[in-house]
Amino acid sequence: MHDIGKVAIPDAVLLKKGMLTEQEFAEMQKHTTVGCDILRESKSSLLQLAAEIAGSHHERWDGQGYPFRLAGAAIPLSGRIVALADNFDALTTARPYKEAWSVERAVEHILGRAGTQFDPACVQAFERALPSIMRIMLENAEAPSLKDSSPEMPSDTEPAFARAKLMA
């Protein structure tokens, strides 16, 4: 639901292969405020939370995100958590414009951005939760085995899963 504002973004931008132009990136950034606007009028506390997330999940710990360039604790905790989860999902899932990254590569990327892109406490929580995350990914993989190199479960996740078990 955090990306519900993407309904207002043209498919030509959403599904574009390759880099977005500056104008296309500005258009894509609007999904945060559009999503927040769609959800915030609800009287449901769950949808109010969803509005908060939609509006803040692209903010960065260092203040270089969007739409409001919030920094640190000024970013709602819900947005900080979803920013990390959304990033992990985006990296480990094939998209029209990129191949899926291995879980190991995505984890290294996230760990390396603690304190800049991501809240360091959220990164620590992610690291602690990684064995459970990997277990859920494996349980929900469409591939019959880890050796299958489908986009849902890259073939090099087996070593990352073994490492994640050691981190538990």
C-alpha atoms as a PDB file:
ATOM      1  CA  MET A   1       0.000   0.000   0.000  1.00  0.00           C
ATOM      2  CA  HIS A   2       3.008   2.300   0.485  1.00  0.00           C
ATOM      3  CA  ASP A   3       3.243   2.747  -3.308  1.00  0.00           C
ATOM      4  CA  ILE A   4      -0.479   3.278  -3.981  1.00  0.00           C
ATOM      5  CA  GLY A   5       0.383   6.712  -5.381  1.00  0.00           C
ATOM      6  CA  LYS A   6       1.991   4.985  -8.369  1.00  0.00           C
ATOM      7  CA  VAL A   7      -1.509   4.675  -9.835  1.00  0.00           C
ATOM      8  CA  ALA A   8      -1.022   8.322 -10.864  1.00  0.00           C
ATOM      9  CA  ILE A   9       2.326   7.706 -12.583  1.00  0.00           C
ATOM     10  CA  PRO A  10       2.262   6.970 -16.343  1.00  0.00           C
ATOM     11  CA  ASP A  11       3.201   3.399 -17.308  1.00  0.00           C
ATOM     12  CA  ALA A  12       5.831   4.832 -19.650  1.00  0.00           C
ATOM     13  CA  VAL A  13       7.665   6.054 -16.545  1.00  0.00           C
ATOM     14  CA  LEU A  14       6.848   3.133 -14.225  1.00  0.00           C
ATOM     15  CA  LEU A  15       7.900   0.445 -16.691  1.00  0.00           C
ATOM     16  CA  LYS A  16      10.740   2.230 -18.434  1.00  0.00           C
ATOM     17  CA  LYS A  17      13.848   0.165 -19.006  1.00  0.00           C
ATOM     18  CA  GLY A  18      16.978   2.131 -18.223  1.00  0.00           C
ATOM     19  CA  MET A  19      17.591   5.379 -16.430  1.00  0.00           C
ATOM     20  CA  LEU A  20      14.808   7.901 -15.882  1.00  0.00           C
ATOM     21  CA  THR A  21      15.315  11.416 -17.156  1.00  0.00           C
ATOM     22  CA  GLU A  22      15.317  14.217 -14.592  1.00  0.00           C
ATOM     23  CA  GLN A  23      11.714  15.033 -15.554  1.00  0.00           C
ATOM     24  CA  GLU A  24      10.639  11.374 -15.297  1.00  0.00           C
ATOM     25  CA  PHE A  25      12.301  11.030 -11.890  1.00  0.00           C
ATOM     26  CA  ALA A  26      10.457  14.141 -10.667  1.00  0.00           C
ATOM     27  CA  GLU A  27       7.222  12.575 -11.935  1.00  0.00           C
ATOM     28  CA  MET A  28       8.015   9.297 -10.146  1.00  0.00           C
ATOM     29  CA  GLN A  29       8.703  11.140  -6.882  1.00  0.00           C
ATOM     30  CA  LYS A  30       5.105  12.404  -6.863  1.00  0.00           C
ATOM     31  CA  HIS A  31       3.859   8.934  -5.925  1.00  0.00           C
ATOM     32  CA  THR A  32       4.707   9.614  -2.270  1.00  0.00           C
ATOM     33  CA  THR A  33       2.513  12.692  -1.902  1.00  0.00           C
ATOM     34  CA  VAL A  34      -0.230  11.303  -4.149  1.00  0.00           C
ATOM     35  CA  GLY A  35      -0.357   8.131  -2.049  1.00  0.00           C
ATOM     36  CA  CYS A  36      -0.431  10.100   1.185  1.00  0.00           C
ATOM     37  CA  ASP A  37      -3.249  12.275  -0.180  1.00  0.00           C
ATOM     38  CA  ILE A  38      -5.275   9.208  -1.230  1.00  0.00           C
ATOM     39  CA  LEU A  39      -5.008   7.570   2.187  1.00  0.00           C
ATOM     40  CA  ARG A  40      -4.968  10.396   4.713  1.00  0.00           C
ATOM     41  CA  GLU A  41      -8.656  11.289   4.491  1.00  0.00           C
ATOM     42  CA  SER A  42      -9.678   7.929   5.912  1.00  0.00           C
ATOM     43  CA  LYS A  43     -10.972   7.679   9.457  1.00  0.00           C
ATOM     44  CA  SER A  44      -9.299   4.262   9.785  1.00  0.00           C
ATOM     45  CA  SER A  45      -6.206   4.326  11.988  1.00  0.00           C
ATOM     46  CA  LEU A  46      -4.666   1.636   9.771  1.00  0.00           C
ATOM     47  CA  LEU A  47      -5.111   3.770   6.657  1.00  0.00           C
ATOM     48  CA  GLN A  48      -3.816   6.822   8.542  1.00  0.00           C
ATOM     49  CA  LEU A  49      -0.650   4.806   9.254  1.00  0.00           C
ATOM     50  CA  ALA A  50      -0.541   3.773   5.593  1.00  0.00           C
ATOM     51  CA  ALA A  51      -0.752   7.465   4.623  1.00  0.00           C
ATOM     52  CA  GLU A  52       2.178   8.269   6.919  1.00  0.00           C
ATOM     53  CA  ILE A  53       4.196   5.461   5.323  1.00  0.00           C
ATOM     54  CA  ALA A  54       3.260   6.428   1.757  1.00  0.00           C
ATOM     55  CA  GLY A  55       4.426   9.979   2.409  1.00  0.00           C
ATOM     56  CA  SER A  56       7.691   9.140   4.154  1.00  0.00           C
ATOM     57  CA  HIS A  57       9.103   5.874   2.785  1.00  0.00           C
ATOM     58  CA  HIS A  58      11.537   7.666   0.446  1.00  0.00           C
ATOM     59  CA  GLU A  59      12.957  10.001   3.076  1.00  0.00           C
ATOM     60  CA  ARG A  60      16.565   9.304   4.063  1.00  0.00           C
ATOM     61  CA  TRP A  61      18.208   9.347   7.466  1.00  0.00           C
ATOM     62  CA  ASP A  62      20.684  11.984   6.203  1.00  0.00           C
ATOM     63  CA  GLY A  63      17.928  14.283   4.888  1.00  0.00           C
ATOM     64  CA  GLN A  64      18.645  13.687   1.195  1.00  0.00           C
ATOM     65  CA  GLY A  65      15.381  11.881   0.444  1.00  0.00           C
ATOM     66  CA  TYR A  66      11.998  13.029  -0.774  1.00  0.00           C
ATOM     67  CA  PRO A  67       9.380  14.472  -0.726  1.00  0.00           C
ATOM     68  CA  PHE A  68      10.215  16.724   2.256  1.00  0.00           C
ATOM     69  CA  ARG A  69      13.935  16.058   2.854  1.00  0.00           C
ATOM     70  CA  LEU A  70      13.224  15.032   6.452  1.00  0.00           C
ATOM     71  CA  ALA A  71      16.185  13.731   8.445  1.00  0.00           C
ATOM     72  CA  GLY A  72      16.757  11.426  11.394  1.00  0.00           C
ATOM     73  CA  ALA A  73      13.992  11.121  13.960  1.00  0.00           C
ATOM     74  CA  ALA A  74      11.883  13.694  12.060  1.00  0.00           C
ATOM     75  CA  ILE A  75      11.060  10.821   9.679  1.00  0.00           C
ATOM     76  CA  PRO A  76       8.201   8.762  11.138  1.00  0.00           C
ATOM     77  CA  LEU A  77       9.470   5.396  12.403  1.00  0.00           C
ATOM     78  CA  SER A  78       6.967   3.641  10.140  1.00  0.00           C
ATOM     79  CA  GLY A  79       8.521   5.348   7.108  1.00  0.00           C
ATOM     80  CA  ARG A  80      12.051   4.468   8.241  1.00  0.00           C
ATOM     81  CA  ILE A  81      11.119   0.801   8.585  1.00  0.00           C
ATOM     82  CA  VAL A  82       9.326   0.622   5.239  1.00  0.00           C
ATOM     83  CA  ALA A  83      12.170   2.492   3.497  1.00  0.00           C
ATOM     84  CA  LEU A  84      14.534  -0.319   4.416  1.00  0.00           C
ATOM     85  CA  ALA A  85      12.058  -3.134   3.700  1.00  0.00           C
ATOM     86  CA  ASP A  86      11.072  -1.581   0.363  1.00  0.00           C
ATOM     87  CA  ASN A  87      14.714  -1.185  -0.607  1.00  0.00           C
ATOM     88  CA  PHE A  88      15.492  -4.820   0.237  1.00  0.00           C
ATOM     89  CA  ASP A  89      12.474  -5.985  -1.770  1.00  0.00           C
ATOM     90  CA  ALA A  90      13.323  -3.737  -4.730  1.00  0.00           C
ATOM     91  CA  LEU A  91      16.926  -4.942  -4.809  1.00  0.00           C
ATOM     92  CA  THR A  92      16.115  -8.654  -4.564  1.00  0.00           C
ATOM     93  CA  THR A  93      13.275  -8.574  -7.113  1.00  0.00           C
ATOM     94  CA  ALA A  94      13.719  -8.402 -10.885  1.00  0.00           C
ATOM     95  CA  ARG A  95      12.192  -5.280 -12.398  1.00  0.00           C
ATOM     96  CA  PRO A  96      11.690  -4.259 -16.046  1.00  0.00           C
ATOM     97  CA  TYR A  97      14.773  -2.051 -15.740  1.00  0.00           C
ATOM     98  CA  LYS A  98      17.085  -4.346 -13.683  1.00  0.00           C
ATOM     99  CA  GLU A  99      17.926  -7.897 -12.697  1.00  0.00           C
ATOM    100  CA  ALA A 100      17.369  -9.108  -9.141  1.00  0.00           C
ATOM    101  CA  TRP A 101      20.346  -8.774  -6.822  1.00  0.00           C
ATOM    102  CA  SER A 102      21.441 -11.644  -4.621  1.00  0.00           C
ATOM    103  CA  VAL A 103      20.299 -11.441  -1.022  1.00  0.00           C
ATOM    104  CA  GLU A 104      23.931 -11.227   0.071  1.00  0.00           C
ATOM    105  CA  ARG A 105      24.589  -8.216  -2.182  1.00  0.00           C
ATOM    106  CA  ALA A 106      21.372  -6.492  -1.028  1.00  0.00           C
ATOM    107  CA  VAL A 107      22.237  -7.048   2.642  1.00  0.00           C
ATOM    108  CA  GLU A 108      25.735  -5.621   2.129  1.00  0.00           C
ATOM    109  CA  HIS A 109      24.191  -2.607   0.367  1.00  0.00           C
ATOM    110  CA  ILE A 110      21.809  -1.951   3.270  1.00  0.00           C
ATOM    111  CA  LEU A 111      24.449  -2.470   5.973  1.00  0.00           C
ATOM    112  CA  GLY A 112      26.731  -0.038   4.153  1.00  0.00           C
ATOM    113  CA  ARG A 113      24.076   2.690   4.211  1.00  0.00           C
ATOM    114  CA  ALA A 114      23.298   2.659   7.930  1.00  0.00           C
ATOM    115  CA  GLY A 115      23.451   6.268   9.092  1.00  0.00           C
ATOM    116  CA  THR A 116      23.120   7.760   5.606  1.00  0.00           C
ATOM    117  CA  GLN A 117      20.171   6.278   3.742  1.00  0.00           C
ATOM    118  CA  PHE A 118      18.792   4.228   6.632  1.00  0.00           C
ATOM    119  CA  ASP A 119      18.201   4.650  10.362  1.00  0.00           C
ATOM    120  CA  PRO A 120      21.069   2.740  12.052  1.00  0.00           C
ATOM    121  CA  ALA A 121      18.639   1.210  14.574  1.00  0.00           C
ATOM    122  CA  CYS A 122      16.442  -0.074  11.736  1.00  0.00           C
ATOM    123  CA  VAL A 123      19.486  -1.580  10.031  1.00  0.00           C
ATOM    124  CA  GLN A 124      20.430  -3.346  13.281  1.00  0.00           C
ATOM    125  CA  ALA A 125      16.869  -4.691  13.610  1.00  0.00           C
ATOM    126  CA  PHE A 126      16.978  -5.846   9.968  1.00  0.00           C
ATOM    127  CA  GLU A 127      20.247  -7.647  10.604  1.00  0.00           C
ATOM    128  CA  ARG A 128      18.771  -9.411  13.656  1.00  0.00           C
ATOM    129  CA  ALA A 129      15.641 -10.349  11.685  1.00  0.00           C
ATOM    130  CA  LEU A 130      17.544 -11.598   8.638  1.00  0.00           C
ATOM    131  CA  PRO A 131      17.324 -15.316   9.492  1.00  0.00           C
ATOM    132  CA  SER A 132      13.532 -15.018   9.809  1.00  0.00           C
ATOM    133  CA  ILE A 133      13.337 -12.948   6.613  1.00  0.00           C
ATOM    134  CA  MET A 134      15.336 -15.597   4.754  1.00  0.00           C
ATOM    135  CA  ARG A 135      13.111 -18.370   6.123  1.00  0.00           C
ATOM    136  CA  ILE A 136      10.003 -16.518   4.894  1.00  0.00           C
ATOM    137  CA  MET A 137      11.596 -15.913   1.503  1.00  0.00           C
ATOM    138  CA  LEU A 138      12.425 -19.601   1.183  1.00  0.00           C
ATOM    139  CA  GLU A 139       8.946 -20.689   2.271  1.00  0.00           C
ATOM    140  CA  ASN A 140       7.373 -18.406  -0.329  1.00  0.00           C
ATOM    141  CA  ALA A 141       9.772 -19.064  -3.172  1.00  0.00           C
ATOM    142  CA  GLU A 142       8.082 -20.292  -6.318  1.00  0.00           C
ATOM    143  CA  ALA A 143      11.220 -22.166  -7.295  1.00  0.00           C
ATOM    144  CA  PRO A 144      11.345 -25.879  -6.444  1.00  0.00           C
ATOM    145  CA  SER A 145      14.867 -25.494  -5.052  1.00  0.00           C
ATOM    146  CA  LEU A 146      17.486 -22.884  -4.226  1.00  0.00           C
ATOM    147  CA  LYS A 147      19.443 -23.937  -7.312  1.00  0.00           C
ATOM    148  CA  ASP A 148      16.705 -22.485  -9.555  1.00  0.00           C
ATOM    149  CA  SER A 149      17.712 -19.016 -10.726  1.00  0.00           C
ATOM    150  CA  SER A 150      14.208 -17.553 -10.983  1.00  0.00           C
ATOM    151  CA  PRO A 151      13.853 -13.797 -10.256  1.00  0.00           C
ATOM    152  CA  GLU A 152      11.942 -14.582  -7.058  1.00  0.00           C
ATOM    153  CA  MET A 153      14.899 -16.451  -5.544  1.00  0.00           C
ATOM    154  CA  PRO A 154      18.301 -15.772  -7.133  1.00  0.00           C
ATOM    155  CA  SER A 155      20.520 -18.861  -7.326  1.00  0.00           C
ATOM    156  CA  ASP A 156      23.193 -17.344  -5.085  1.00  0.00           C
ATOM    157  CA  THR A 157      20.896 -17.028  -2.050  1.00  0.00           C
ATOM    158  CA  GLU A 158      21.878 -20.405  -0.622  1.00  0.00           C
ATOM    159  CA  PRO A 159      25.241 -19.125   0.740  1.00  0.00           C
ATOM    160  CA  ALA A 160      23.526 -15.981   2.048  1.00  0.00           C
ATOM    161  CA  PHE A 161      20.927 -18.112   3.823  1.00  0.00           C
ATOM    162  CA  ALA A 162      23.646 -20.241   5.388  1.00  0.00           C
ATOM    163  CA  ARG A 163      25.391 -17.051   6.544  1.00  0.00           C
ATOM    164  CA  ALA A 164      22.126 -15.658   7.868  1.00  0.00           C
ATOM    165  CA  LYS A 165      21.647 -18.791   9.957  1.00  0.00           C
ATOM    166  CA  LEU A 166      25.060 -18.190  11.508  1.00  0.00           C
ATOM    167  CA  MET A 167      24.079 -14.604  12.363  1.00  0.00           C
ATOM    168  CA  ALA A 168      21.084 -15.795  14.416  1.00  0.00           C
END
